[in-house]
Amino acid sequence: MALKYIKKQKSYVYQQSAGNAKHRMLIYGDAVDVTDTKKNGRTKVKYGVIPAKKGWVRTPDLVSKGFLEIYFLDVIIAGGIGFVTYRSQDFKKLYKGDKSKD
């Protein structure tokens, strides 16, 4: 399976390769595992964490190149903690910063 990403503001996971029955909405940048199975303009995908769910996404809504994700967490409790994590296209952690005051 190959990893692809949603390129539209929102897209849906359909229960079947045809029809309008949806069971999940995906948003820009969400990652899915795609299979080689394509029917009716849709691609069969696995998405989510354990247990991974299966469904169909419109093929034009998928793109191969991922996006940079940046998470900021700033908690100020008795001195303060700053935490930043950057993730690359293939979900590898690039940098993790942690700053605490004594």
PDB file of N, CA and C in Angstrom:
ATOM      1  N   MET A   1       0.833  -1.188   0.000  1.00  0.00           N
ATOM      2  CA  MET A   1       0.000   0.000   0.000  1.00  0.00           C
ATOM      3  C   MET A   1       0.869   1.240   0.000  1.00  0.00           C
ATOM      4  N   ALA A   2       0.374   2.268  -0.642  1.00  0.00           N
ATOM      5  CA  ALA A   2       1.084   3.540  -0.708  1.00  0.00           C
ATOM      6  C   ALA A   2       0.325   4.598   0.093  1.00  0.00           C
ATOM      7  N   LEU A   3       1.047   5.530   0.641  1.00  0.00           N
ATOM      8  CA  LEU A   3       0.452   6.606   1.417  1.00  0.00           C
ATOM      9  C   LEU A   3       0.118   7.766   0.495  1.00  0.00           C
ATOM     10  N   LYS A   4      -1.132   8.247   0.564  1.00  0.00           N
ATOM     11  CA  LYS A   4      -1.549   9.438  -0.178  1.00  0.00           C
ATOM     12  C   LYS A   4      -2.293  10.364   0.769  1.00  0.00           C
ATOM     13  N   TYR A   5      -2.538  11.573   0.289  1.00  0.00           N
ATOM     14  CA  TYR A   5      -3.105  12.612   1.136  1.00  0.00           C
ATOM     15  C   TYR A   5      -4.311  13.252   0.456  1.00  0.00           C
ATOM     16  N   ILE A   6      -5.225  13.766   1.268  1.00  0.00           N
ATOM     17  CA  ILE A   6      -6.399  14.459   0.744  1.00  0.00           C
ATOM     18  C   ILE A   6      -5.970  15.865   0.332  1.00  0.00           C
ATOM     19  N   LYS A   7      -6.317  16.255  -0.891  1.00  0.00           N
ATOM     20  CA  LYS A   7      -5.891  17.578  -1.371  1.00  0.00           C
ATOM     21  C   LYS A   7      -7.017  18.605  -1.376  1.00  0.00           C
ATOM     22  N   LYS A   8      -8.233  18.185  -1.082  1.00  0.00           N
ATOM     23  CA  LYS A   8      -9.364  19.120  -1.043  1.00  0.00           C
ATOM     24  C   LYS A   8      -9.633  19.550   0.389  1.00  0.00           C
ATOM     25  N   GLN A   9     -10.385  20.628   0.530  1.00  0.00           N
ATOM     26  CA  GLN A   9     -10.730  21.104   1.861  1.00  0.00           C
ATOM     27  C   GLN A   9     -11.454  20.013   2.643  1.00  0.00           C
ATOM     28  N   LYS A  10     -12.365  19.292   1.977  1.00  0.00           N
ATOM     29  CA  LYS A  10     -12.988  18.133   2.597  1.00  0.00           C
ATOM     30  C   LYS A  10     -13.329  17.105   1.531  1.00  0.00           C
ATOM     31  N   SER A  11     -13.253  15.855   1.916  1.00  0.00           N
ATOM     32  CA  SER A  11     -13.565  14.733   1.043  1.00  0.00           C
ATOM     33  C   SER A  11     -14.240  13.675   1.904  1.00  0.00           C
ATOM     34  N   TYR A  12     -14.868  12.701   1.276  1.00  0.00           N
ATOM     35  CA  TYR A  12     -15.596  11.699   2.042  1.00  0.00           C
ATOM     36  C   TYR A  12     -15.080  10.301   1.752  1.00  0.00           C
ATOM     37  N   VAL A  13     -15.190   9.430   2.750  1.00  0.00           N
ATOM     38  CA  VAL A  13     -14.938   8.009   2.570  1.00  0.00           C
ATOM     39  C   VAL A  13     -16.310   7.377   2.359  1.00  0.00           C
ATOM     40  N   TYR A  14     -16.458   6.724   1.219  1.00  0.00           N
ATOM     41  CA  TYR A  14     -17.718   6.084   0.879  1.00  0.00           C
ATOM     42  C   TYR A  14     -17.658   4.608   1.254  1.00  0.00           C
ATOM     43  N   GLN A  15     -18.815   4.029   1.555  1.00  0.00           N
ATOM     44  CA  GLN A  15     -18.870   2.619   1.937  1.00  0.00           C
ATOM     45  C   GLN A  15     -18.645   1.698   0.750  1.00  0.00           C
ATOM     46  N   GLN A  16     -19.065   2.112  -0.445  1.00  0.00           N
ATOM     47  CA  GLN A  16     -18.946   1.296  -1.651  1.00  0.00           C
ATOM     48  C   GLN A  16     -18.275   2.106  -2.763  1.00  0.00           C
ATOM     49  N   SER A  17     -17.880   1.417  -3.828  1.00  0.00           N
ATOM     50  CA  SER A  17     -17.255   2.104  -4.964  1.00  0.00           C
ATOM     51  C   SER A  17     -18.271   2.909  -5.759  1.00  0.00           C
ATOM     52  N   ALA A  18     -19.534   2.640  -5.557  1.00  0.00           N
ATOM     53  CA  ALA A  18     -20.609   3.402  -6.204  1.00  0.00           C
ATOM     54  C   ALA A  18     -21.662   3.712  -5.139  1.00  0.00           C
ATOM     55  N   GLY A  19     -22.401   4.764  -5.332  1.00  0.00           N
ATOM     56  CA  GLY A  19     -23.427   5.133  -4.364  1.00  0.00           C
ATOM     57  C   GLY A  19     -22.984   6.302  -3.506  1.00  0.00           C
ATOM     58  N   ASN A  20     -23.913   6.786  -2.679  1.00  0.00           N
ATOM     59  CA  ASN A  20     -23.655   7.981  -1.884  1.00  0.00           C
ATOM     60  C   ASN A  20     -23.541   7.724  -0.388  1.00  0.00           C
ATOM     61  N   ALA A  21     -23.547   6.468   0.034  1.00  0.00           N
ATOM     62  CA  ALA A  21     -23.447   6.158   1.466  1.00  0.00           C
ATOM     63  C   ALA A  21     -22.036   6.466   1.970  1.00  0.00           C
ATOM     64  N   LYS A  22     -21.940   7.447   2.896  1.00  0.00           N
ATOM     65  CA  LYS A  22     -20.653   7.886   3.436  1.00  0.00           C
ATOM     66  C   LYS A  22     -20.520   7.410   4.876  1.00  0.00           C
ATOM     67  N   HIS A  23     -19.290   7.155   5.322  1.00  0.00           N
ATOM     68  CA  HIS A  23     -19.120   6.866   6.735  1.00  0.00           C
ATOM     69  C   HIS A  23     -17.997   7.642   7.390  1.00  0.00           C
ATOM     70  N   ARG A  24     -17.411   8.617   6.681  1.00  0.00           N
ATOM     71  CA  ARG A  24     -16.363   9.434   7.300  1.00  0.00           C
ATOM     72  C   ARG A  24     -16.058  10.632   6.408  1.00  0.00           C
ATOM     73  N   MET A  25     -15.749  11.755   7.020  1.00  0.00           N
ATOM     74  CA  MET A  25     -15.279  12.912   6.274  1.00  0.00           C
ATOM     75  C   MET A  25     -13.792  13.062   6.564  1.00  0.00           C
ATOM     76  N   LEU A  26     -13.007  13.312   5.516  1.00  0.00           N
ATOM     77  CA  LEU A  26     -11.578  13.571   5.653  1.00  0.00           C
ATOM     78  C   LEU A  26     -11.331  15.022   5.264  1.00  0.00           C
ATOM     79  N   ILE A  27     -10.287  15.613   5.815  1.00  0.00           N
ATOM     80  CA  ILE A  27      -9.986  17.006   5.504  1.00  0.00           C
ATOM     81  C   ILE A  27      -8.595  17.120   4.883  1.00  0.00           C
ATOM     82  N   TYR A  28      -8.314  18.298   4.358  1.00  0.00           N
ATOM     83  CA  TYR A  28      -7.049  18.620   3.702  1.00  0.00           C
ATOM     84  C   TYR A  28      -5.856  18.118   4.514  1.00  0.00           C
ATOM     85  N   GLY A  29      -5.021  17.291   3.879  1.00  0.00           N
ATOM     86  CA  GLY A  29      -3.803  16.800   4.519  1.00  0.00           C
ATOM     87  C   GLY A  29      -3.938  15.467   5.213  1.00  0.00           C
ATOM     88  N   ASP A  30      -5.158  14.948   5.392  1.00  0.00           N
ATOM     89  CA  ASP A  30      -5.313  13.631   6.027  1.00  0.00           C
ATOM     90  C   ASP A  30      -4.641  12.561   5.177  1.00  0.00           C
ATOM     91  N   ALA A  31      -3.975  11.632   5.833  1.00  0.00           N
ATOM     92  CA  ALA A  31      -3.261  10.554   5.137  1.00  0.00           C
ATOM     93  C   ALA A  31      -4.121   9.296   5.089  1.00  0.00           C
ATOM     94  N   VAL A  32      -4.057   8.593   3.957  1.00  0.00           N
ATOM     95  CA  VAL A  32      -4.741   7.313   3.788  1.00  0.00           C
ATOM     96  C   VAL A  32      -3.798   6.349   3.079  1.00  0.00           C
ATOM     97  N   ASP A  33      -3.957   5.061   3.362  1.00  0.00           N
ATOM     98  CA  ASP A  33      -3.233   4.015   2.635  1.00  0.00           C
ATOM     99  C   ASP A  33      -4.092   3.616   1.446  1.00  0.00           C
ATOM    100  N   VAL A  34      -3.555   3.741   0.249  1.00  0.00           N
ATOM    101  CA  VAL A  34      -4.334   3.403  -0.946  1.00  0.00           C
ATOM    102  C   VAL A  34      -3.947   2.023  -1.464  1.00  0.00           C
ATOM    103  N   THR A  35      -4.921   1.351  -2.058  1.00  0.00           N
ATOM    104  CA  THR A  35      -4.682   0.060  -2.691  1.00  0.00           C
ATOM    105  C   THR A  35      -4.652   0.273  -4.202  1.00  0.00           C
ATOM    106  N   ASP A  36      -4.428  -0.784  -4.943  1.00  0.00           N
ATOM    107  CA  ASP A  36      -4.454  -0.690  -6.405  1.00  0.00           C
ATOM    108  C   ASP A  36      -5.866  -0.816  -6.967  1.00  0.00           C
ATOM    109  N   THR A  37      -6.849  -1.028  -6.107  1.00  0.00           N
ATOM    110  CA  THR A  37      -8.229  -1.223  -6.534  1.00  0.00           C
ATOM    111  C   THR A  37      -8.897   0.112  -6.823  1.00  0.00           C
ATOM    112  N   LYS A  38      -9.331   0.296  -8.062  1.00  0.00           N
ATOM    113  CA  LYS A  38     -10.035   1.513  -8.482  1.00  0.00           C
ATOM    114  C   LYS A  38     -11.285   1.124  -9.251  1.00  0.00           C
ATOM    115  N   LYS A  39     -12.412   1.753  -8.911  1.00  0.00           N
ATOM    116  CA  LYS A  39     -13.681   1.519  -9.604  1.00  0.00           C
ATOM    117  C   LYS A  39     -14.501   2.794  -9.571  1.00  0.00           C
ATOM    118  N   ASN A  40     -15.182   3.081 -10.669  1.00  0.00           N
ATOM    119  CA  ASN A  40     -16.131   4.195 -10.732  1.00  0.00           C
ATOM    120  C   ASN A  40     -15.534   5.529 -10.265  1.00  0.00           C
ATOM    121  N   GLY A  41     -14.266   5.764 -10.564  1.00  0.00           N
ATOM    122  CA  GLY A  41     -13.632   7.034 -10.189  1.00  0.00           C
ATOM    123  C   GLY A  41     -13.252   7.124  -8.719  1.00  0.00           C
ATOM    124  N   ARG A  42     -13.266   5.988  -8.020  1.00  0.00           N
ATOM    125  CA  ARG A  42     -12.899   5.962  -6.605  1.00  0.00           C
ATOM    126  C   ARG A  42     -11.779   4.951  -6.382  1.00  0.00           C
ATOM    127  N   THR A  43     -10.994   5.198  -5.334  1.00  0.00           N
ATOM    128  CA  THR A  43      -9.879   4.324  -4.964  1.00  0.00           C
ATOM    129  C   THR A  43     -10.152   3.733  -3.590  1.00  0.00           C
ATOM    130  N   LYS A  44      -9.895   2.441  -3.438  1.00  0.00           N
ATOM    131  CA  LYS A  44     -10.086   1.788  -2.147  1.00  0.00           C
ATOM    132  C   LYS A  44      -8.947   2.179  -1.215  1.00  0.00           C
ATOM    133  N   VAL A  45      -9.294   2.579   0.027  1.00  0.00           N
ATOM    134  CA  VAL A  45      -8.302   3.070   0.981  1.00  0.00           C
ATOM    135  C   VAL A  45      -8.506   2.450   2.357  1.00  0.00           C
ATOM    136  N   LYS A  46      -7.430   2.501   3.163  1.00  0.00           N
ATOM    137  CA  LYS A  46      -7.495   2.224   4.591  1.00  0.00           C
ATOM    138  C   LYS A  46      -7.150   3.534   5.281  1.00  0.00           C
ATOM    139  N   TYR A  47      -7.879   3.852   6.333  1.00  0.00           N
ATOM    140  CA  TYR A  47      -7.647   5.117   7.036  1.00  0.00           C
ATOM    141  C   TYR A  47      -7.845   4.912   8.532  1.00  0.00           C
ATOM    142  N   GLY A  48      -7.411   5.882   9.286  1.00  0.00           N
ATOM    143  CA  GLY A  48      -7.577   5.823  10.731  1.00  0.00           C
ATOM    144  C   GLY A  48      -6.468   5.032  11.397  1.00  0.00           C
ATOM    145  N   VAL A  49      -6.555   4.996  12.708  1.00  0.00           N
ATOM    146  CA  VAL A  49      -5.581   4.235  13.478  1.00  0.00           C
ATOM    147  C   VAL A  49      -6.161   2.869  13.809  1.00  0.00           C
ATOM    148  N   ILE A  50      -5.642   2.211  14.777  1.00  0.00           N
ATOM    149  CA  ILE A  50      -6.052   0.838  15.079  1.00  0.00           C
ATOM    150  C   ILE A  50      -7.481   0.833  15.594  1.00  0.00           C
ATOM    151  N   PRO A  51      -8.407   0.048  15.096  1.00  0.00           N
ATOM    152  CA  PRO A  51      -8.257  -0.749  13.874  1.00  0.00           C
ATOM    153  C   PRO A  51      -8.462   0.129  12.647  1.00  0.00           C
ATOM    154  N   ALA A  52      -7.657  -0.074  11.633  1.00  0.00           N
ATOM    155  CA  ALA A  52      -7.781   0.705  10.400  1.00  0.00           C
ATOM    156  C   ALA A  52      -9.089   0.323   9.706  1.00  0.00           C
ATOM    157  N   LYS A  53      -9.790   1.330   9.221  1.00  0.00           N
ATOM    158  CA  LYS A  53     -11.059   1.104   8.539  1.00  0.00           C
ATOM    159  C   LYS A  53     -10.845   1.187   7.041  1.00  0.00           C
ATOM    160  N   LYS A  54     -11.742   0.584   6.283  1.00  0.00           N
ATOM    161  CA  LYS A  54     -11.637   0.580   4.830  1.00  0.00           C
ATOM    162  C   LYS A  54     -12.814   1.306   4.222  1.00  0.00           C
ATOM    163  N   GLY A  55     -12.579   1.897   3.053  1.00  0.00           N
ATOM    164  CA  GLY A  55     -13.631   2.596   2.334  1.00  0.00           C
ATOM    165  C   GLY A  55     -13.118   3.036   0.979  1.00  0.00           C
ATOM    166  N   TRP A  56     -13.879   3.898   0.337  1.00  0.00           N
ATOM    167  CA  TRP A  56     -13.559   4.385  -1.006  1.00  0.00           C
ATOM    168  C   TRP A  56     -13.515   5.904  -1.014  1.00  0.00           C
ATOM    169  N   VAL A  57     -12.477   6.477  -1.635  1.00  0.00           N
ATOM    170  CA  VAL A  57     -12.323   7.933  -1.764  1.00  0.00           C
ATOM    171  C   VAL A  57     -12.258   8.271  -3.242  1.00  0.00           C
ATOM    172  N   ARG A  58     -12.829   9.426  -3.609  1.00  0.00           N
ATOM    173  CA  ARG A  58     -12.746   9.868  -5.001  1.00  0.00           C
ATOM    174  C   ARG A  58     -11.282  10.002  -5.393  1.00  0.00           C
ATOM    175  N   THR A  59     -10.891   9.368  -6.477  1.00  0.00           N
ATOM    176  CA  THR A  59      -9.497   9.362  -6.930  1.00  0.00           C
ATOM    177  C   THR A  59      -8.938  10.774  -7.155  1.00  0.00           C
ATOM    178  N   PRO A  60      -9.707  11.721  -7.738  1.00  0.00           N
ATOM    179  CA  PRO A  60      -9.152  13.073  -7.926  1.00  0.00           C
ATOM    180  C   PRO A  60      -8.870  13.829  -6.622  1.00  0.00           C
ATOM    181  N   ASP A  61      -9.415  13.348  -5.503  1.00  0.00           N
ATOM    182  CA  ASP A  61      -9.192  14.012  -4.211  1.00  0.00           C
ATOM    183  C   ASP A  61      -7.869  13.615  -3.558  1.00  0.00           C
ATOM    184  N   LEU A  62      -7.128  12.682  -4.174  1.00  0.00           N
ATOM    185  CA  LEU A  62      -5.884  12.178  -3.585  1.00  0.00           C
ATOM    186  C   LEU A  62      -4.657  12.759  -4.276  1.00  0.00           C
ATOM    187  N   VAL A  63      -3.617  12.989  -3.500  1.00  0.00           N
ATOM    188  CA  VAL A  63      -2.351  13.489  -4.025  1.00  0.00           C
ATOM    189  C   VAL A  63      -1.211  12.716  -3.357  1.00  0.00           C
ATOM    190  N   SER A  64      -0.123  12.525  -4.084  1.00  0.00           N
ATOM    191  CA  SER A  64       1.002  11.734  -3.568  1.00  0.00           C
ATOM    192  C   SER A  64       1.879  12.492  -2.585  1.00  0.00           C
ATOM    193  N   LYS A  65       2.031  13.792  -2.782  1.00  0.00           N
ATOM    194  CA  LYS A  65       2.927  14.569  -1.940  1.00  0.00           C
ATOM    195  C   LYS A  65       2.194  15.039  -0.685  1.00  0.00           C
ATOM    196  N   GLY A  66       2.836  14.818   0.459  1.00  0.00           N
ATOM    197  CA  GLY A  66       2.228  15.181   1.728  1.00  0.00           C
ATOM    198  C   GLY A  66       2.486  16.630   2.104  1.00  0.00           C
ATOM    199  N   PHE A  67       2.126  16.954   3.314  1.00  0.00           N
ATOM    200  CA  PHE A  67       2.207  18.316   3.798  1.00  0.00           C
ATOM    201  C   PHE A  67       2.992  18.339   5.104  1.00  0.00           C
ATOM    202  N   LEU A  68       3.611  19.453   5.394  1.00  0.00           N
ATOM    203  CA  LEU A  68       4.321  19.622   6.643  1.00  0.00           C
ATOM    204  C   LEU A  68       3.316  19.914   7.750  1.00  0.00           C
ATOM    205  N   GLU A  69       3.418  19.199   8.864  1.00  0.00           N
ATOM    206  CA  GLU A  69       2.550  19.434  10.006  1.00  0.00           C
ATOM    207  C   GLU A  69       3.378  20.001  11.140  1.00  0.00           C
ATOM    208  N   ILE A  70       2.850  21.015  11.787  1.00  0.00           N
ATOM    209  CA  ILE A  70       3.527  21.618  12.926  1.00  0.00           C
ATOM    210  C   ILE A  70       2.537  21.659  14.085  1.00  0.00           C
ATOM    211  N   TYR A  71       2.943  21.117  15.231  1.00  0.00           N
ATOM    212  CA  TYR A  71       2.117  21.131  16.422  1.00  0.00           C
ATOM    213  C   TYR A  71       2.796  22.004  17.468  1.00  0.00           C
ATOM    214  N   PHE A  72       2.053  22.927  18.039  1.00  0.00           N
ATOM    215  CA  PHE A  72       2.566  23.779  19.097  1.00  0.00           C
ATOM    216  C   PHE A  72       1.777  23.505  20.370  1.00  0.00           C
ATOM    217  N   LEU A  73       2.482  23.294  21.453  1.00  0.00           N
ATOM    218  CA  LEU A  73       1.846  23.115  22.746  1.00  0.00           C
ATOM    219  C   LEU A  73       2.585  23.994  23.727  1.00  0.00           C
ATOM    220  N   ASP A  74       1.874  24.908  24.336  1.00  0.00           N
ATOM    221  CA  ASP A  74       2.497  25.831  25.283  1.00  0.00           C
ATOM    222  C   ASP A  74       1.691  25.778  26.577  1.00  0.00           C
ATOM    223  N   VAL A  75       2.252  25.165  27.590  1.00  0.00           N
ATOM    224  CA  VAL A  75       1.578  25.030  28.871  1.00  0.00           C
ATOM    225  C   VAL A  75       2.372  25.810  29.900  1.00  0.00           C
ATOM    226  N   ILE A  76       1.719  26.752  30.569  1.00  0.00           N
ATOM    227  CA  ILE A  76       2.388  27.562  31.583  1.00  0.00           C
ATOM    228  C   ILE A  76       1.894  27.109  32.956  1.00  0.00           C
ATOM    229  N   ILE A  77       2.717  26.307  33.618  1.00  0.00           N
ATOM    230  CA  ILE A  77       2.397  25.841  34.970  1.00  0.00           C
ATOM    231  C   ILE A  77       3.695  25.918  35.780  1.00  0.00           C
ATOM    232  N   ALA A  78       3.756  26.799  36.713  1.00  0.00           N
ATOM    233  CA  ALA A  78       4.914  26.946  37.616  1.00  0.00           C
ATOM    234  C   ALA A  78       6.246  26.940  36.868  1.00  0.00           C
ATOM    235  N   GLY A  79       6.410  27.834  35.949  1.00  0.00           N
ATOM    236  CA  GLY A  79       7.693  27.946  35.263  1.00  0.00           C
ATOM    237  C   GLY A  79       7.566  27.856  33.767  1.00  0.00           C
ATOM    238  N   GLY A  80       6.672  27.068  33.267  1.00  0.00           N
ATOM    239  CA  GLY A  80       6.393  27.030  31.837  1.00  0.00           C
ATOM    240  C   GLY A  80       7.091  25.932  31.074  1.00  0.00           C
ATOM    241  N   ILE A  81       6.411  25.426  30.107  1.00  0.00           N
ATOM    242  CA  ILE A  81       6.940  24.403  29.204  1.00  0.00           C
ATOM    243  C   ILE A  81       6.540  24.794  27.788  1.00  0.00           C
ATOM    244  N   GLY A  82       7.476  24.770  26.877  1.00  0.00           N
ATOM    245  CA  GLY A  82       7.172  24.993  25.468  1.00  0.00           C
ATOM    246  C   GLY A  82       7.551  23.754  24.686  1.00  0.00           C
ATOM    247  N   PHE A  83       6.706  23.307  23.807  1.00  0.00           N
ATOM    248  CA  PHE A  83       6.955  22.063  23.082  1.00  0.00           C
ATOM    249  C   PHE A  83       6.548  22.252  21.625  1.00  0.00           C
ATOM    250  N   VAL A  84       7.440  21.922  20.708  1.00  0.00           N
ATOM    251  CA  VAL A  84       7.151  22.036  19.285  1.00  0.00           C
ATOM    252  C   VAL A  84       7.578  20.748  18.596  1.00  0.00           C
ATOM    253  N   THR A  85       6.729  20.200  17.745  1.00  0.00           N
ATOM    254  CA  THR A  85       7.063  19.009  16.972  1.00  0.00           C
ATOM    255  C   THR A  85       6.774  19.289  15.507  1.00  0.00           C
ATOM    256  N   TYR A  86       7.717  18.983  14.637  1.00  0.00           N
ATOM    257  CA  TYR A  86       7.530  19.106  13.202  1.00  0.00           C
ATOM    258  C   TYR A  86       7.501  17.700  12.614  1.00  0.00           C
ATOM    259  N   ARG A  87       6.618  17.455  11.690  1.00  0.00           N
ATOM    260  CA  ARG A  87       6.571  16.156  11.021  1.00  0.00           C
ATOM    261  C   ARG A  87       6.651  16.374   9.515  1.00  0.00           C
ATOM    262  N   SER A  88       7.360  15.490   8.842  1.00  0.00           N
ATOM    263  CA  SER A  88       7.528  15.608   7.400  1.00  0.00           C
ATOM    264  C   SER A  88       6.427  14.865   6.671  1.00  0.00           C
ATOM    265  N   GLN A  89       6.540  14.793   5.359  1.00  0.00           N
ATOM    266  CA  GLN A  89       5.546  14.163   4.507  1.00  0.00           C
ATOM    267  C   GLN A  89       5.316  12.705   4.861  1.00  0.00           C
ATOM    268  N   ASP A  90       6.346  11.991   5.285  1.00  0.00           N
ATOM    269  CA  ASP A  90       6.198  10.568   5.582  1.00  0.00           C
ATOM    270  C   ASP A  90       6.063  10.318   7.089  1.00  0.00           C
ATOM    271  N   PHE A  91       5.614  11.330   7.825  1.00  0.00           N
ATOM    272  CA  PHE A  91       5.329  11.246   9.249  1.00  0.00           C
ATOM    273  C   PHE A  91       6.553  11.008  10.124  1.00  0.00           C
ATOM    274  N   LYS A  92       7.744  11.250   9.605  1.00  0.00           N
ATOM    275  CA  LYS A  92       8.943  11.136  10.427  1.00  0.00           C
ATOM    276  C   LYS A  92       9.109  12.428  11.210  1.00  0.00           C
ATOM    277  N   LYS A  93       9.483  12.295  12.459  1.00  0.00           N
ATOM    278  CA  LYS A  93       9.675  13.466  13.302  1.00  0.00           C
ATOM    279  C   LYS A  93      10.984  14.138  12.913  1.00  0.00           C
ATOM    280  N   LEU A  94      10.924  15.422  12.569  1.00  0.00           N
ATOM    281  CA  LEU A  94      12.107  16.145  12.145  1.00  0.00           C
ATOM    282  C   LEU A  94      12.802  16.849  13.309  1.00  0.00           C
ATOM    283  N   TYR A  95      12.006  17.427  14.215  1.00  0.00           N
ATOM    284  CA  TYR A  95      12.594  18.203  15.294  1.00  0.00           C
ATOM    285  C   TYR A  95      11.631  18.203  16.465  1.00  0.00           C
ATOM    286  N   LYS A  96      12.184  18.155  17.634  1.00  0.00           N
ATOM    287  CA  LYS A  96      11.366  18.240  18.835  1.00  0.00           C
ATOM    288  C   LYS A  96      12.057  19.196  19.781  1.00  0.00           C
ATOM    289  N   GLY A  97      11.409  20.266  20.113  1.00  0.00           N
ATOM    290  CA  GLY A  97      11.982  21.241  21.029  1.00  0.00           C
ATOM    291  C   GLY A  97      11.251  21.229  22.363  1.00  0.00           C
ATOM    292  N   ASP A  98      11.991  21.327  23.432  1.00  0.00           N
ATOM    293  CA  ASP A  98      11.408  21.318  24.764  1.00  0.00           C
ATOM    294  C   ASP A  98      12.171  22.335  25.604  1.00  0.00           C
ATOM    295  N   LYS A  99      11.459  23.272  26.175  1.00  0.00           N
ATOM    296  CA  LYS A  99      12.119  24.322  26.926  1.00  0.00           C
ATOM    297  C   LYS A  99      11.411  24.474  28.281  1.00  0.00           C
ATOM    298  N   SER A 100      12.133  24.337  29.358  1.00  0.00           N
ATOM    299  CA  SER A 100      11.559  24.481  30.701  1.00  0.00           C
ATOM    300  C   SER A 100      12.367  25.507  31.490  1.00  0.00           C
ATOM    301  N   LYS A 101      11.682  26.258  32.314  1.00  0.00           N
ATOM    302  CA  LYS A 101      12.352  27.234  33.172  1.00  0.00           C
ATOM    303  C   LYS A 101      12.420  26.693  34.572  1.00  0.00           C
ATOM    304  N   ASP A 102      13.545  26.905  35.257  1.00  0.00           N
ATOM    305  CA  ASP A 102      13.696  26.443  36.645  1.00  0.00           C
ATOM    306  C   ASP A 102      13.236  27.486  37.626  1.00  0.00           C
TER     307      ASP A 102
END
